[in-house]
Amino acid sequence: MNLPPEDQQLLEELCRQYGVSAAKVLQLLKTVREYEFKDRRTGVYHALKDILCTDYPPFTGNREE
C-alpha cells in the first residue's frame, strides 16, 4: 500500500505512540481493501486474524506491499 508522505508520517507517529507495528497496520488495511469490493467476503476475518497473530517488524520507510 502506497501512502502519501504526510499519511505515512502520521501512521508512524501513531504506531510509535501506541506501540503497534506500522507494517502490521498497513497489511491489515491492504487486506481489508482486497476484500472490500468482493461480493462475498468469506475469509476476511481469518485473514485479519492471521495478520494479527503474526509478528511484523517496525515500519521503516515506504514499502510496496
N, C-alpha and C. Protein backbone atom coordinates (compact mmCIF):
# COMPACT_ATOMS: atom_id res chain seq x y z
N MET A 1 0.86 -1.17 0.00
CA MET A 1 0.00 0.00 0.00
C MET A 1 0.90 1.22 0.00
N ASN A 2 0.63 2.10 -0.91
CA ASN A 2 1.46 3.29 -1.08
C ASN A 2 0.73 4.49 -0.45
N LEU A 3 1.30 5.04 0.61
CA LEU A 3 0.69 6.18 1.29
C LEU A 3 1.42 7.47 0.92
N PRO A 4 0.68 8.57 0.87
CA PRO A 4 1.33 9.87 0.71
C PRO A 4 2.26 10.12 1.91
N PRO A 5 3.30 10.92 1.73
CA PRO A 5 4.27 11.15 2.82
C PRO A 5 3.64 11.63 4.14
N GLU A 6 2.64 12.52 4.06
CA GLU A 6 2.01 13.01 5.29
C GLU A 6 1.29 11.89 6.02
N ASP A 7 0.58 11.04 5.27
CA ASP A 7 -0.14 9.92 5.88
C ASP A 7 0.83 8.90 6.47
N GLN A 8 1.91 8.66 5.76
CA GLN A 8 2.92 7.72 6.23
C GLN A 8 3.53 8.21 7.54
N GLN A 9 3.84 9.50 7.60
CA GLN A 9 4.42 10.07 8.82
C GLN A 9 3.43 9.98 9.98
N LEU A 10 2.17 10.30 9.72
CA LEU A 10 1.15 10.22 10.75
C LEU A 10 0.99 8.78 11.25
N LEU A 11 0.97 7.83 10.33
CA LEU A 11 0.86 6.42 10.70
C LEU A 11 2.03 6.01 11.59
N GLU A 12 3.24 6.38 11.21
CA GLU A 12 4.42 6.04 12.00
C GLU A 12 4.36 6.66 13.40
N GLU A 13 3.93 7.92 13.49
CA GLU A 13 3.82 8.58 14.79
C GLU A 13 2.79 7.89 15.67
N LEU A 14 1.63 7.59 15.10
CA LEU A 14 0.58 6.93 15.89
C LEU A 14 1.01 5.53 16.32
N CYS A 15 1.67 4.81 15.44
CA CYS A 15 2.11 3.46 15.78
C CYS A 15 3.17 3.49 16.88
N ARG A 16 4.08 4.45 16.81
CA ARG A 16 5.07 4.60 17.89
C ARG A 16 4.37 4.93 19.20
N GLN A 17 3.41 5.85 19.13
CA GLN A 17 2.70 6.30 20.32
C GLN A 17 1.96 5.14 20.99
N TYR A 18 1.38 4.25 20.19
CA TYR A 18 0.57 3.16 20.74
C TYR A 18 1.29 1.81 20.75
N GLY A 19 2.54 1.79 20.34
CA GLY A 19 3.32 0.56 20.39
C GLY A 19 2.84 -0.51 19.43
N VAL A 20 2.42 -0.09 18.25
CA VAL A 20 1.90 -1.01 17.23
C VAL A 20 2.82 -0.96 16.01
N SER A 21 3.00 -2.07 15.36
CA SER A 21 3.81 -2.12 14.15
C SER A 21 3.06 -1.47 12.99
N ALA A 22 3.68 -0.47 12.38
CA ALA A 22 3.06 0.19 11.23
C ALA A 22 2.95 -0.78 10.06
N ALA A 23 3.90 -1.69 9.93
CA ALA A 23 3.84 -2.70 8.86
C ALA A 23 2.60 -3.58 9.03
N LYS A 24 2.27 -3.91 10.28
CA LYS A 24 1.09 -4.72 10.55
C LYS A 24 -0.18 -3.94 10.20
N VAL A 25 -0.23 -2.67 10.57
CA VAL A 25 -1.39 -1.84 10.26
C VAL A 25 -1.57 -1.74 8.74
N LEU A 26 -0.47 -1.53 8.03
CA LEU A 26 -0.55 -1.45 6.57
C LEU A 26 -1.06 -2.76 5.96
N GLN A 27 -0.61 -3.88 6.50
CA GLN A 27 -1.06 -5.17 5.99
C GLN A 27 -2.55 -5.38 6.28
N LEU A 28 -3.00 -4.95 7.45
CA LEU A 28 -4.43 -5.03 7.78
C LEU A 28 -5.25 -4.18 6.81
N LEU A 29 -4.80 -2.96 6.55
CA LEU A 29 -5.50 -2.07 5.61
C LEU A 29 -5.53 -2.66 4.20
N LYS A 30 -4.41 -3.21 3.79
CA LYS A 30 -4.32 -3.82 2.46
C LYS A 30 -5.30 -4.99 2.33
N THR A 31 -5.38 -5.81 3.37
CA THR A 31 -6.27 -6.97 3.35
C THR A 31 -7.73 -6.54 3.31
N VAL A 32 -8.09 -5.56 4.13
CA VAL A 32 -9.47 -5.06 4.12
C VAL A 32 -9.81 -4.51 2.75
N ARG A 33 -8.87 -3.79 2.15
CA ARG A 33 -9.10 -3.23 0.82
C ARG A 33 -9.31 -4.32 -0.23
N GLU A 34 -8.54 -5.41 -0.14
CA GLU A 34 -8.69 -6.52 -1.08
C GLU A 34 -10.08 -7.15 -1.01
N TYR A 35 -10.64 -7.20 0.18
CA TYR A 35 -11.96 -7.82 0.36
C TYR A 35 -13.10 -6.83 0.18
N GLU A 36 -12.81 -5.56 0.11
CA GLU A 36 -13.83 -4.52 0.12
C GLU A 36 -14.88 -4.66 -0.98
N PHE A 37 -14.47 -4.97 -2.19
CA PHE A 37 -15.42 -4.98 -3.30
C PHE A 37 -15.81 -6.38 -3.76
N LYS A 38 -15.48 -7.37 -2.98
CA LYS A 38 -15.90 -8.73 -3.32
C LYS A 38 -17.37 -8.90 -2.97
N ASP A 39 -18.06 -9.71 -3.76
CA ASP A 39 -19.46 -9.98 -3.46
C ASP A 39 -19.61 -10.68 -2.12
N ARG A 40 -18.72 -11.64 -1.87
CA ARG A 40 -18.72 -12.36 -0.60
C ARG A 40 -17.36 -12.16 0.05
N ARG A 41 -17.38 -11.79 1.27
CA ARG A 41 -16.12 -11.52 1.99
C ARG A 41 -15.71 -12.72 2.84
N THR A 42 -16.00 -13.89 2.34
CA THR A 42 -15.65 -15.11 3.05
C THR A 42 -14.13 -15.16 3.26
N GLY A 43 -13.74 -15.34 4.50
CA GLY A 43 -12.33 -15.47 4.82
C GLY A 43 -11.66 -14.20 5.31
N VAL A 44 -12.37 -13.07 5.29
CA VAL A 44 -11.73 -11.82 5.70
C VAL A 44 -11.33 -11.86 7.17
N TYR A 45 -12.18 -12.39 8.04
CA TYR A 45 -11.84 -12.43 9.46
C TYR A 45 -10.67 -13.36 9.73
N HIS A 46 -10.61 -14.46 9.03
CA HIS A 46 -9.49 -15.38 9.17
C HIS A 46 -8.20 -14.71 8.71
N ALA A 47 -8.26 -14.00 7.59
CA ALA A 47 -7.07 -13.31 7.07
C ALA A 47 -6.60 -12.23 8.04
N LEU A 48 -7.53 -11.48 8.62
CA LEU A 48 -7.17 -10.45 9.59
C LEU A 48 -6.59 -11.06 10.86
N LYS A 49 -7.18 -12.17 11.30
CA LYS A 49 -6.67 -12.85 12.49
C LYS A 49 -5.25 -13.34 12.26
N ASP A 50 -4.98 -13.89 11.08
CA ASP A 50 -3.63 -14.35 10.76
C ASP A 50 -2.62 -13.20 10.83
N ILE A 51 -3.01 -12.05 10.32
CA ILE A 51 -2.12 -10.89 10.37
C ILE A 51 -1.88 -10.46 11.82
N LEU A 52 -2.94 -10.42 12.61
CA LEU A 52 -2.81 -10.01 14.00
C LEU A 52 -1.93 -10.96 14.80
N CYS A 53 -1.92 -12.23 14.44
CA CYS A 53 -1.13 -13.23 15.16
C CYS A 53 0.30 -13.33 14.65
N THR A 54 0.64 -12.60 13.60
CA THR A 54 1.98 -12.65 13.02
C THR A 54 2.80 -11.48 13.53
N ASP A 55 4.08 -11.74 13.81
CA ASP A 55 4.98 -10.66 14.21
C ASP A 55 5.46 -9.92 12.98
N TYR A 56 5.38 -8.61 13.04
CA TYR A 56 5.85 -7.76 11.95
C TYR A 56 6.93 -6.84 12.49
N PRO A 57 7.96 -6.57 11.68
CA PRO A 57 8.99 -5.63 12.11
C PRO A 57 8.44 -4.21 12.11
N PRO A 58 9.09 -3.32 12.84
CA PRO A 58 8.65 -1.92 12.81
C PRO A 58 8.74 -1.36 11.39
N PHE A 59 7.90 -0.43 11.08
CA PHE A 59 7.86 0.19 9.76
C PHE A 59 8.99 1.19 9.66
N THR A 60 9.79 1.06 8.59
CA THR A 60 10.94 1.96 8.44
C THR A 60 11.01 2.51 7.03
N GLY A 61 9.98 3.20 6.63
CA GLY A 61 10.02 3.83 5.31
C GLY A 61 8.92 3.34 4.41
N ASN A 62 8.95 3.78 3.17
CA ASN A 62 7.91 3.48 2.20
C ASN A 62 8.11 2.08 1.63
N ARG A 63 7.08 1.26 1.73
CA ARG A 63 7.15 -0.10 1.21
C ARG A 63 6.05 -0.34 0.22
N GLU A 64 6.34 -1.11 -0.79
CA GLU A 64 5.33 -1.57 -1.73
C GLU A 64 4.94 -2.97 -1.31
N GLU A 65 3.74 -3.14 -0.79
CA GLU A 65 3.29 -4.45 -0.35
C GLU A 65 1.98 -4.80 -0.99
